[in-house]
């Protein structure tokens, strides 16, 4: 009689999520937008494709946001992500995108004053 034992191997993505969650135990510790997106997604138990479908973009576009391949996050996408993840919009804007937000808000306020 032989008894075989097999080592349980978790999927690669699950291991990556666990390592990521060990690196950042609190949302407040995260300083960059791509990691904030990934943290929120992991804590909601969603896959990238599910998030992309929920906010109306392709998985590839969402991956670009989560990896940091984009310089500018479109306002409508940021609004949808903030609503989905239940976090303030400003948490999803780095300094560069904050500048755009402030500039546009100032621009529209100046137009309204005229």
N, C-alpha and C. Protein backbone atom coordinates (compact mmCIF):
# COMPACT_ATOMS: atom_id res chain seq x y z
N UNK A 1 0.85 -1.18 0.00
CA UNK A 1 0.00 0.00 0.00
C UNK A 1 0.89 1.24 0.00
N UNK A 2 0.59 2.13 -0.93
CA UNK A 2 1.34 3.38 -1.02
C UNK A 2 0.44 4.53 -0.62
N UNK A 3 1.01 5.45 0.10
CA UNK A 3 0.29 6.68 0.45
C UNK A 3 1.01 7.82 -0.25
N UNK A 4 0.29 8.45 -1.12
CA UNK A 4 0.87 9.58 -1.84
C UNK A 4 0.45 10.87 -1.16
N UNK A 5 1.37 11.75 -1.11
CA UNK A 5 1.03 13.08 -0.61
C UNK A 5 1.45 14.09 -1.66
N UNK A 6 0.61 15.06 -1.83
CA UNK A 6 0.87 16.11 -2.80
C UNK A 6 0.84 17.44 -2.08
N UNK A 7 1.77 18.24 -2.43
CA UNK A 7 1.82 19.57 -1.85
C UNK A 7 0.73 20.42 -2.49
N UNK A 8 -0.03 21.11 -1.67
CA UNK A 8 -1.07 22.00 -2.18
C UNK A 8 -0.40 23.28 -2.66
N UNK A 9 -0.63 23.58 -3.91
CA UNK A 9 -0.04 24.79 -4.49
C UNK A 9 -1.17 25.73 -4.85
N UNK A 10 -1.12 26.91 -4.29
CA UNK A 10 -2.13 27.91 -4.60
C UNK A 10 -1.82 28.52 -5.96
N UNK A 11 -2.84 28.98 -6.64
CA UNK A 11 -2.60 29.65 -7.93
C UNK A 11 -1.64 30.84 -7.76
N UNK A 12 -0.86 31.09 -8.78
CA UNK A 12 0.14 32.16 -8.74
C UNK A 12 -0.48 33.50 -8.35
N UNK A 13 -1.64 33.80 -8.89
CA UNK A 13 -2.28 35.08 -8.60
C UNK A 13 -2.66 35.20 -7.13
N UNK A 14 -3.09 34.10 -6.52
CA UNK A 14 -3.44 34.13 -5.11
C UNK A 14 -2.21 34.41 -4.26
N UNK A 15 -1.09 33.79 -4.61
CA UNK A 15 0.15 34.04 -3.88
C UNK A 15 0.58 35.49 -4.02
N UNK A 16 0.44 36.04 -5.23
CA UNK A 16 0.77 37.45 -5.43
C UNK A 16 -0.11 38.34 -4.57
N UNK A 17 -1.38 38.02 -4.48
CA UNK A 17 -2.30 38.82 -3.66
C UNK A 17 -1.91 38.72 -2.20
N UNK A 18 -1.55 37.54 -1.74
CA UNK A 18 -1.16 37.39 -0.34
C UNK A 18 0.11 38.17 -0.04
N UNK A 19 1.09 38.12 -0.93
CA UNK A 19 2.32 38.88 -0.73
C UNK A 19 2.05 40.38 -0.73
N UNK A 20 1.18 40.80 -1.62
CA UNK A 20 0.82 42.22 -1.69
C UNK A 20 0.15 42.65 -0.39
N UNK A 21 -0.77 41.84 0.12
CA UNK A 21 -1.48 42.18 1.35
C UNK A 21 -0.56 42.15 2.57
N UNK A 22 0.51 41.37 2.51
CA UNK A 22 1.49 41.39 3.59
C UNK A 22 2.33 42.67 3.53
N UNK A 23 2.58 43.13 2.32
CA UNK A 23 3.36 44.36 2.15
C UNK A 23 2.58 45.57 2.66
N UNK A 24 1.30 45.63 2.36
CA UNK A 24 0.44 46.74 2.77
C UNK A 24 -0.69 46.19 3.63
N UNK A 25 -0.58 46.37 4.92
CA UNK A 25 -1.63 45.85 5.80
C UNK A 25 -2.74 46.88 6.01
N UNK A 26 -2.43 48.15 5.81
CA UNK A 26 -3.42 49.21 5.97
C UNK A 26 -3.47 50.06 4.71
N UNK A 27 -4.66 50.43 4.33
CA UNK A 27 -4.85 51.26 3.15
C UNK A 27 -4.07 52.57 3.27
N UNK A 28 -4.03 53.12 4.46
CA UNK A 28 -3.37 54.41 4.70
C UNK A 28 -1.86 54.36 4.44
N UNK A 29 -1.28 53.17 4.46
CA UNK A 29 0.16 53.02 4.23
C UNK A 29 0.54 53.15 2.76
N UNK A 30 -0.43 53.09 1.88
CA UNK A 30 -0.15 53.06 0.44
C UNK A 30 -0.05 54.48 -0.10
N UNK A 31 1.07 54.76 -0.74
CA UNK A 31 1.32 56.12 -1.23
C UNK A 31 1.06 56.30 -2.72
N UNK A 32 0.94 55.22 -3.49
CA UNK A 32 0.75 55.40 -4.94
C UNK A 32 -0.60 54.84 -5.39
N UNK A 33 -1.11 55.44 -6.43
CA UNK A 33 -2.45 55.11 -6.93
C UNK A 33 -2.57 53.67 -7.43
N UNK A 34 -1.63 53.16 -8.24
CA UNK A 34 -1.78 51.77 -8.70
C UNK A 34 -1.91 50.77 -7.55
N UNK A 35 -1.11 50.93 -6.51
CA UNK A 35 -1.20 50.01 -5.38
C UNK A 35 -2.48 50.20 -4.59
N UNK A 36 -3.00 51.42 -4.53
CA UNK A 36 -4.30 51.65 -3.88
C UNK A 36 -5.41 50.91 -4.62
N UNK A 37 -5.36 50.98 -5.95
CA UNK A 37 -6.35 50.26 -6.76
C UNK A 37 -6.27 48.76 -6.51
N UNK A 38 -5.06 48.24 -6.50
CA UNK A 38 -4.87 46.80 -6.30
C UNK A 38 -5.34 46.39 -4.89
N UNK A 39 -5.01 47.20 -3.89
CA UNK A 39 -5.41 46.90 -2.51
C UNK A 39 -6.93 46.84 -2.39
N UNK A 40 -7.60 47.83 -2.95
CA UNK A 40 -9.07 47.86 -2.90
C UNK A 40 -9.66 46.65 -3.59
N UNK A 41 -9.14 46.32 -4.75
CA UNK A 41 -9.65 45.17 -5.51
C UNK A 41 -9.47 43.88 -4.73
N UNK A 42 -8.27 43.69 -4.16
CA UNK A 42 -8.02 42.47 -3.37
C UNK A 42 -8.96 42.38 -2.18
N UNK A 43 -9.18 43.50 -1.51
CA UNK A 43 -10.01 43.47 -0.31
C UNK A 43 -11.50 43.33 -0.61
N UNK A 44 -11.88 43.58 -1.84
CA UNK A 44 -13.27 43.32 -2.25
C UNK A 44 -13.41 41.94 -2.87
N UNK A 45 -12.28 41.24 -3.04
CA UNK A 45 -12.32 39.90 -3.61
C UNK A 45 -12.67 39.87 -5.08
N UNK A 46 -12.29 40.92 -5.79
CA UNK A 46 -12.62 41.02 -7.22
C UNK A 46 -11.40 40.72 -8.09
N UNK A 47 -11.67 40.28 -9.29
CA UNK A 47 -10.62 40.09 -10.27
C UNK A 47 -10.58 41.34 -11.16
N UNK A 48 -9.47 41.53 -11.85
CA UNK A 48 -9.33 42.71 -12.71
C UNK A 48 -10.45 42.78 -13.74
N UNK A 49 -10.79 41.67 -14.34
CA UNK A 49 -11.85 41.65 -15.35
C UNK A 49 -13.18 42.07 -14.75
N UNK A 50 -13.46 41.64 -13.53
CA UNK A 50 -14.72 42.01 -12.87
C UNK A 50 -14.79 43.51 -12.63
N UNK A 51 -13.70 44.09 -12.16
CA UNK A 51 -13.67 45.54 -11.93
C UNK A 51 -13.86 46.27 -13.26
N UNK A 52 -13.14 45.83 -14.28
CA UNK A 52 -13.25 46.46 -15.60
C UNK A 52 -14.69 46.42 -16.11
N UNK A 53 -15.34 45.28 -15.97
CA UNK A 53 -16.73 45.15 -16.41
C UNK A 53 -17.65 46.07 -15.61
N UNK A 54 -17.41 46.17 -14.32
CA UNK A 54 -18.27 47.00 -13.46
C UNK A 54 -18.16 48.49 -13.78
N UNK A 55 -16.98 48.93 -14.23
CA UNK A 55 -16.82 50.36 -14.51
C UNK A 55 -16.87 50.67 -16.00
N UNK A 56 -17.05 49.64 -16.83
CA UNK A 56 -17.27 49.86 -18.26
C UNK A 56 -16.03 50.08 -19.10
N UNK A 57 -14.92 49.43 -18.75
CA UNK A 57 -13.71 49.52 -19.56
C UNK A 57 -13.22 48.10 -19.82
N UNK A 58 -12.19 47.97 -20.65
CA UNK A 58 -11.62 46.66 -20.91
C UNK A 58 -10.68 46.26 -19.78
N UNK A 59 -10.41 44.97 -19.69
CA UNK A 59 -9.48 44.48 -18.67
C UNK A 59 -8.10 45.09 -18.90
N UNK A 60 -7.70 45.20 -20.15
CA UNK A 60 -6.40 45.79 -20.49
C UNK A 60 -6.27 47.22 -20.00
N UNK A 61 -7.34 48.00 -20.17
CA UNK A 61 -7.31 49.38 -19.67
C UNK A 61 -7.18 49.41 -18.16
N UNK A 62 -7.92 48.53 -17.47
CA UNK A 62 -7.83 48.51 -16.02
C UNK A 62 -6.44 48.07 -15.56
N UNK A 63 -5.87 47.10 -16.24
CA UNK A 63 -4.51 46.65 -15.89
C UNK A 63 -3.54 47.82 -16.03
N UNK A 64 -3.69 48.62 -17.08
CA UNK A 64 -2.83 49.79 -17.25
C UNK A 64 -2.92 50.73 -16.06
N UNK A 65 -4.11 50.91 -15.50
CA UNK A 65 -4.27 51.76 -14.32
C UNK A 65 -3.59 51.13 -13.11
N UNK A 66 -3.77 49.83 -12.95
CA UNK A 66 -3.26 49.14 -11.77
C UNK A 66 -1.74 48.95 -11.82
N UNK A 67 -1.18 48.89 -13.00
CA UNK A 67 0.26 48.74 -13.15
C UNK A 67 0.95 50.11 -13.15
N UNK A 68 0.22 51.15 -13.50
CA UNK A 68 0.79 52.49 -13.52
C UNK A 68 1.29 52.91 -14.88
N UNK A 69 0.74 52.32 -15.94
CA UNK A 69 1.16 52.66 -17.30
C UNK A 69 0.52 53.93 -17.83
N UNK A 70 -0.38 54.53 -17.08
CA UNK A 70 -1.06 55.73 -17.55
C UNK A 70 -0.62 56.94 -16.73
N UNK A 71 -0.55 58.08 -17.39
CA UNK A 71 -0.20 59.32 -16.69
C UNK A 71 -1.43 60.05 -16.18
N UNK A 72 -2.50 59.94 -16.94
CA UNK A 72 -3.72 60.69 -16.61
C UNK A 72 -4.89 59.72 -16.47
N UNK A 73 -5.57 59.81 -15.35
CA UNK A 73 -6.75 58.97 -15.11
C UNK A 73 -7.99 59.78 -15.49
N UNK A 74 -8.77 59.33 -16.47
CA UNK A 74 -9.97 60.06 -16.87
C UNK A 74 -10.94 60.24 -15.69
N UNK A 75 -11.51 61.41 -15.58
CA UNK A 75 -12.38 61.76 -14.46
C UNK A 75 -13.53 60.76 -14.30
N UNK A 76 -14.17 60.39 -15.40
CA UNK A 76 -15.32 59.49 -15.30
C UNK A 76 -14.91 58.11 -14.77
N UNK A 77 -13.69 57.67 -15.11
CA UNK A 77 -13.20 56.37 -14.61
C UNK A 77 -12.87 56.48 -13.13
N UNK A 78 -12.21 57.55 -12.75
CA UNK A 78 -11.87 57.76 -11.34
C UNK A 78 -13.13 57.83 -10.49
N UNK A 79 -14.15 58.54 -10.98
CA UNK A 79 -15.42 58.63 -10.24
C UNK A 79 -16.04 57.25 -10.04
N UNK A 80 -16.03 56.42 -11.10
CA UNK A 80 -16.61 55.08 -11.00
C UNK A 80 -15.81 54.19 -10.05
N UNK A 81 -14.49 54.29 -10.11
CA UNK A 81 -13.64 53.49 -9.22
C UNK A 81 -13.84 53.90 -7.75
N UNK A 82 -13.91 55.20 -7.52
CA UNK A 82 -14.11 55.69 -6.15
C UNK A 82 -15.45 55.22 -5.61
N UNK A 83 -16.47 55.24 -6.44
CA UNK A 83 -17.79 54.77 -6.01
C UNK A 83 -17.77 53.26 -5.75
N UNK A 84 -17.16 52.50 -6.65
CA UNK A 84 -17.08 51.06 -6.49
C UNK A 84 -16.32 50.68 -5.21
N UNK A 85 -15.18 51.31 -5.00
CA UNK A 85 -14.34 50.99 -3.86
C UNK A 85 -14.73 51.73 -2.58
N UNK A 86 -15.69 52.65 -2.71
CA UNK A 86 -16.19 53.43 -1.57
C UNK A 86 -15.06 54.19 -0.87
N UNK A 87 -14.29 54.91 -1.67
CA UNK A 87 -13.21 55.74 -1.16
C UNK A 87 -13.31 57.12 -1.79
N UNK A 88 -12.69 58.14 -1.20
CA UNK A 88 -12.72 59.48 -1.79
C UNK A 88 -11.99 59.52 -3.14
N UNK A 89 -12.50 60.31 -4.05
CA UNK A 89 -11.88 60.46 -5.37
C UNK A 89 -10.43 60.90 -5.22
N UNK A 90 -10.15 61.79 -4.29
CA UNK A 90 -8.79 62.30 -4.12
C UNK A 90 -7.78 61.20 -3.80
N UNK A 91 -8.23 60.09 -3.22
CA UNK A 91 -7.33 58.97 -2.94
C UNK A 91 -6.83 58.30 -4.21
N UNK A 92 -7.53 58.51 -5.31
CA UNK A 92 -7.14 57.90 -6.58
C UNK A 92 -6.41 58.87 -7.51
N UNK A 93 -6.02 60.00 -6.97
CA UNK A 93 -5.32 60.98 -7.78
C UNK A 93 -3.93 61.22 -7.20
N UNK A 94 -2.90 61.01 -8.01
CA UNK A 94 -1.55 61.34 -7.58
C UNK A 94 -1.37 62.86 -7.74
N UNK A 95 -0.19 63.35 -7.43
CA UNK A 95 0.05 64.80 -7.50
C UNK A 95 -0.23 65.36 -8.89
N UNK A 96 0.18 64.64 -9.91
CA UNK A 96 -0.02 65.08 -11.29
C UNK A 96 -1.51 65.22 -11.61
N UNK A 97 -2.29 64.21 -11.25
CA UNK A 97 -3.72 64.23 -11.54
C UNK A 97 -4.46 65.19 -10.61
N UNK A 98 -3.95 65.40 -9.41
CA UNK A 98 -4.54 66.41 -8.51
C UNK A 98 -4.42 67.79 -9.15
N UNK A 99 -3.27 68.06 -9.79
CA UNK A 99 -3.07 69.34 -10.45
C UNK A 99 -4.13 69.55 -11.54
N UNK A 100 -4.41 68.52 -12.33
CA UNK A 100 -5.45 68.63 -13.35
C UNK A 100 -6.80 68.92 -12.73
N UNK A 101 -7.11 68.22 -11.65
CA UNK A 101 -8.40 68.41 -10.99
C UNK A 101 -8.53 69.83 -10.47
N UNK A 102 -7.50 70.32 -9.80
CA UNK A 102 -7.55 71.67 -9.23
C UNK A 102 -7.61 72.70 -10.35
N UNK A 103 -6.83 72.50 -11.41
CA UNK A 103 -6.83 73.46 -12.52
C UNK A 103 -8.20 73.53 -13.19
N UNK A 104 -8.83 72.38 -13.42
CA UNK A 104 -10.15 72.37 -14.06
C UNK A 104 -11.20 72.97 -13.14
N UNK A 105 -11.13 72.66 -11.85
CA UNK A 105 -12.11 73.24 -10.92
C UNK A 105 -11.96 74.75 -10.89
N UNK A 106 -10.73 75.25 -10.86
CA UNK A 106 -10.49 76.69 -10.86
C UNK A 106 -10.98 77.30 -12.17
N UNK A 107 -10.72 76.62 -13.28
CA UNK A 107 -11.14 77.09 -14.59
C UNK A 107 -12.67 77.25 -14.64
N UNK A 108 -13.40 76.23 -14.17
CA UNK A 108 -14.85 76.30 -14.20
C UNK A 108 -15.40 77.33 -13.22
N UNK A 109 -14.77 77.49 -12.08
CA UNK A 109 -15.20 78.51 -11.13
C UNK A 109 -15.02 79.90 -11.73
N UNK A 110 -13.90 80.10 -12.43
CA UNK A 110 -13.65 81.40 -13.08
C UNK A 110 -14.69 81.67 -14.17
N UNK A 111 -15.09 80.65 -14.91
CA UNK A 111 -16.09 80.82 -15.96
C UNK A 111 -17.45 81.20 -15.34
N UNK A 112 -17.80 80.54 -14.25
CA UNK A 112 -19.06 80.81 -13.61
C UNK A 112 -19.12 82.23 -13.06
N UNK A 113 -17.99 82.74 -12.58
CA UNK A 113 -17.93 84.09 -12.03
C UNK A 113 -18.15 85.15 -13.11
N UNK A 114 -17.75 84.85 -14.34
CA UNK A 114 -17.84 85.82 -15.44
C UNK A 114 -19.23 86.05 -15.87
